[in-house]
Protein backbone atom coordinates (compact mmCIF):
# COMPACT_ATOMS: atom_id res chain seq x y z
CA UNK A 1 45.91 -17.80 -90.74
CA UNK A 2 44.50 -20.05 -87.29
CA UNK A 3 40.98 -18.88 -88.30
CA UNK A 4 41.34 -20.04 -91.67
CA UNK A 5 42.27 -23.18 -90.66
CA UNK A 6 39.28 -23.78 -88.29
CA UNK A 7 37.29 -22.38 -90.28
CA UNK A 8 37.72 -24.77 -93.18
CA UNK A 9 38.55 -27.50 -91.02
CA UNK A 10 36.06 -30.34 -92.41
CA UNK A 11 37.07 -29.32 -96.08
CA UNK A 12 40.65 -30.05 -95.47
CA UNK A 13 39.93 -33.31 -93.95
CA UNK A 14 37.91 -33.90 -96.54
CA UNK A 15 40.30 -32.76 -99.10
CA UNK A 16 43.13 -34.84 -97.18
CA UNK A 17 41.39 -38.11 -96.79
CA UNK A 18 40.36 -38.24 -100.03
CA UNK A 19 43.84 -37.67 -101.35
CA UNK A 20 45.47 -40.10 -99.33
CA UNK A 21 42.56 -42.79 -100.01
CA UNK A 22 43.28 -42.10 -103.73
CA UNK A 23 46.79 -42.00 -103.74
CA UNK A 24 47.21 -45.45 -101.77
CA UNK A 25 44.96 -47.30 -104.07
CA UNK A 26 46.13 -46.28 -106.75
CA UNK A 27 49.50 -46.99 -105.46
CA UNK A 28 48.41 -50.58 -104.62
CA UNK A 29 46.45 -51.08 -108.06
CA UNK A 30 49.58 -50.09 -109.83
CA UNK A 31 51.65 -51.89 -108.02
CA UNK A 32 48.97 -55.19 -108.86
CA UNK A 33 49.33 -53.60 -112.81
CA UNK A 34 53.47 -54.10 -112.30
CA UNK A 35 53.03 -58.11 -112.09
CA UNK A 36 52.07 -58.20 -115.70
CA UNK A 37 54.49 -57.49 -118.63
CA UNK A 38 53.37 -55.31 -120.90
CA UNK A 39 55.89 -55.97 -123.55
CA UNK A 40 54.56 -59.70 -123.90
CA UNK A 41 51.19 -58.16 -123.86
CA UNK A 42 49.92 -59.58 -120.85
CA UNK A 43 46.46 -57.80 -120.09
CA UNK A 44 45.88 -58.36 -116.53
CA UNK A 45 43.62 -60.13 -114.52
CA UNK A 46 40.76 -58.07 -113.64
CA UNK A 47 40.72 -56.85 -117.45
CA UNK A 48 40.69 -60.54 -118.31
CA UNK A 49 37.75 -60.76 -116.05
CA UNK A 50 35.98 -58.23 -117.12
CA UNK A 51 36.11 -59.29 -120.68
CA UNK A 52 34.84 -62.98 -119.80
CA UNK A 53 32.32 -61.63 -117.91
CA UNK A 54 30.69 -59.19 -120.61
CA UNK A 55 31.18 -62.24 -123.19
CA UNK A 56 29.13 -64.49 -121.15
CA UNK A 57 26.50 -61.48 -120.40
CA UNK A 58 26.18 -61.38 -124.00
CA UNK A 59 25.61 -65.00 -124.62
CA UNK A 60 23.26 -64.93 -121.44
CA UNK A 61 20.91 -63.03 -123.77
CA UNK A 62 21.65 -64.77 -126.97
CA UNK A 63 24.25 -62.62 -128.67
CA UNK A 64 27.16 -64.19 -130.55
CA UNK A 65 30.35 -63.18 -128.76
CA UNK A 66 33.78 -64.64 -127.86
CA UNK A 67 36.89 -63.13 -126.71
CA UNK A 68 40.34 -63.69 -127.65
CA UNK A 69 43.62 -62.06 -126.03
CA UNK A 70 45.45 -59.64 -128.45
CA UNK A 71 49.02 -60.37 -129.86
CA UNK A 72 49.86 -56.75 -130.38
CA UNK A 73 49.25 -55.36 -127.29
CA UNK A 74 48.21 -55.70 -123.56
CA UNK A 75 44.32 -56.11 -123.83
CA UNK A 76 41.45 -58.87 -124.87
CA UNK A 77 39.70 -58.86 -128.12
CA UNK A 78 35.67 -58.97 -128.20
CA UNK A 79 34.39 -60.16 -130.97
CA UNK A 80 29.98 -59.79 -131.73
CA UNK A 81 29.25 -62.02 -134.78
CA UNK A 82 32.46 -62.99 -135.49
CA UNK A 83 33.07 -59.02 -136.15
CA UNK A 84 35.87 -57.50 -134.10
CA UNK A 85 33.86 -54.59 -131.80
CA UNK A 86 36.61 -53.78 -129.23
CA UNK A 87 39.56 -54.44 -127.62
CA UNK A 88 39.33 -54.35 -123.73
CA UNK A 89 42.16 -52.48 -122.23
CA UNK A 90 43.23 -52.21 -118.65
CA UNK A 91 41.31 -48.63 -118.81
CA UNK A 92 38.03 -50.68 -119.28
CA UNK A 93 37.89 -52.83 -116.73
CA UNK A 94 36.23 -50.07 -114.35
CA UNK A 95 38.63 -49.90 -111.55
CA UNK A 96 39.67 -46.20 -111.30
CA UNK A 97 36.40 -45.51 -111.35
CA UNK A 98 36.03 -47.79 -108.30
CA UNK A 99 39.05 -46.13 -106.67
CA UNK A 100 37.58 -42.59 -106.84
CA UNK A 101 34.07 -43.75 -105.61
CA UNK A 102 36.25 -45.50 -103.18
CA UNK A 103 37.87 -42.85 -102.12
CA UNK A 104 34.85 -40.03 -102.16
CA UNK A 105 33.06 -42.46 -99.60
CA UNK A 106 36.11 -42.43 -97.33
CA UNK A 107 36.39 -39.02 -97.54
CA UNK A 108 32.88 -38.67 -96.56
CA UNK A 109 33.37 -41.58 -93.95
CA UNK A 110 30.21 -42.41 -92.01
CA UNK A 111 29.97 -45.50 -89.46
CA UNK A 112 32.38 -47.86 -89.77
CA UNK A 113 29.89 -51.15 -90.96
CA UNK A 114 27.95 -48.88 -92.89
CA UNK A 115 31.11 -47.51 -95.26
CA UNK A 116 31.98 -50.75 -95.68
CA UNK A 117 28.92 -52.20 -96.87
CA UNK A 118 28.39 -49.20 -98.98
CA UNK A 119 32.02 -49.01 -100.38
CA UNK A 120 31.13 -53.12 -101.30
CA UNK A 121 27.65 -52.95 -102.65
CA UNK A 122 28.86 -49.55 -104.73
CA UNK A 123 31.76 -51.49 -106.02
CA UNK A 124 29.66 -54.18 -107.34
CA UNK A 125 27.28 -52.08 -108.86
CA UNK A 126 30.13 -50.26 -110.59
CA UNK A 127 31.47 -53.48 -111.71
CA UNK A 128 28.60 -55.17 -113.04
CA UNK A 129 27.14 -51.63 -114.61
CA UNK A 130 30.76 -51.53 -116.35
CA UNK A 131 30.21 -55.32 -117.64
CA UNK A 132 26.82 -54.42 -119.18
CA UNK A 133 28.16 -50.97 -120.28
CA UNK A 134 31.04 -52.68 -122.38
CA UNK A 135 28.31 -55.16 -123.69
CA UNK A 136 25.67 -52.62 -124.83
CA UNK A 137 28.61 -50.64 -126.50
CA UNK A 138 29.56 -53.64 -128.46
CA UNK A 139 26.13 -54.45 -129.93
CA UNK A 140 25.18 -50.93 -130.42
CA UNK A 141 28.43 -50.03 -132.15
CA UNK A 142 28.23 -53.14 -134.91
CA UNK A 143 24.80 -51.68 -135.55
CA UNK A 144 25.42 -47.85 -135.45
CA UNK A 145 29.37 -48.04 -136.33
CA UNK A 146 29.22 -44.43 -137.70
CA UNK A 147 28.02 -43.26 -133.88
CA UNK A 148 31.18 -44.70 -132.09
CA UNK A 149 32.36 -41.55 -130.89
CA UNK A 150 29.24 -40.50 -129.63
CA UNK A 151 28.44 -43.69 -127.86
CA UNK A 152 32.20 -44.70 -126.39
CA UNK A 153 33.35 -40.82 -125.82
CA UNK A 154 29.85 -39.64 -124.33
CA UNK A 155 27.23 -41.82 -124.00
CA UNK A 156 28.69 -44.59 -121.40
CA UNK A 157 31.12 -42.31 -120.04
CA UNK A 158 28.07 -40.29 -118.93
CA UNK A 159 26.04 -43.14 -118.19
CA UNK A 160 28.82 -44.62 -115.53
CA UNK A 161 30.15 -41.47 -113.97
CA UNK A 162 26.38 -40.15 -113.85
CA UNK A 163 26.06 -43.50 -111.82
CA UNK A 164 29.04 -42.94 -109.37
CA UNK A 165 27.57 -39.38 -108.85
CA UNK A 166 24.21 -40.80 -107.96
CA UNK A 167 26.04 -43.14 -105.42
CA UNK A 168 28.14 -40.28 -104.21
CA UNK A 169 24.26 -38.44 -103.51
CA UNK A 170 22.96 -41.12 -101.93
CA UNK A 171 26.12 -41.63 -99.53
CA UNK A 172 26.38 -38.03 -98.60
CA UNK A 173 22.55 -37.42 -97.71
CA UNK A 174 21.87 -40.61 -95.97
CA UNK A 175 24.98 -42.55 -94.44
CA UNK A 176 27.45 -40.05 -94.44
CA UNK A 177 28.74 -38.61 -91.03
CA UNK A 178 27.53 -35.09 -92.76
CA UNK A 179 24.00 -36.90 -93.13
CA UNK A 180 23.90 -37.34 -89.26
CA UNK A 181 24.49 -33.97 -88.20
CA UNK A 182 22.02 -32.22 -90.70
CA UNK A 183 19.83 -34.24 -90.05
CA UNK A 184 19.94 -34.02 -85.84
CA UNK A 185 20.52 -29.92 -86.45
C-alpha cells in the first residue's frame, strides 16, 4: 500500500488540492447565493451584472437589446429587437466555470505570482467570453430559432469549455510546477 501511495503521490496531491479548492469555492459561492430570496424571484448581483454587460455589448454593436427582471423566477429577461430571446439565470453567469478553472490551476499550481495572475487573467477572459457568448447566442437564435438546441446545448458550451481547456493546457505546459520540472529534465 505504501508503495502505491508513494507512486501516486503527485496524482493524489493534485486530486486533493483540486477537490479542496473546488469545494471551498463552491461553498463560498453557495453562501453568496443564499443572500438572495429565490421565492421573491431575486436574481443575484453577478447574474444581473452579466445580463447588463450582455445588453451593453449588444448595444455597443448597434443591436437593439433590453433587459427586464423576470417576475416569475430569479432571472433577467433579455430582449433583442423587442422580442424575448433569453432568460439569464444564475447558471449563465459563468461563475461555476470560473470556479472549475481556478480549482484546476491551483491543483497544478506554480509560483504564487504567476498562479494569481493567471487566475485573474483567465477568470476575466472567461467572464468576457461568457458575455459575448450570451450576446451571440441571442442574436443567432433570433435569426435561426430552429437551431436553439444546437446553439445553446452544443456550440456555445463547447466554445466556453473549449476556451477553459485551452487555458488549462497553457497553464500546465507554461506556468505550473509540472512545466518547470519537465523543462529542466
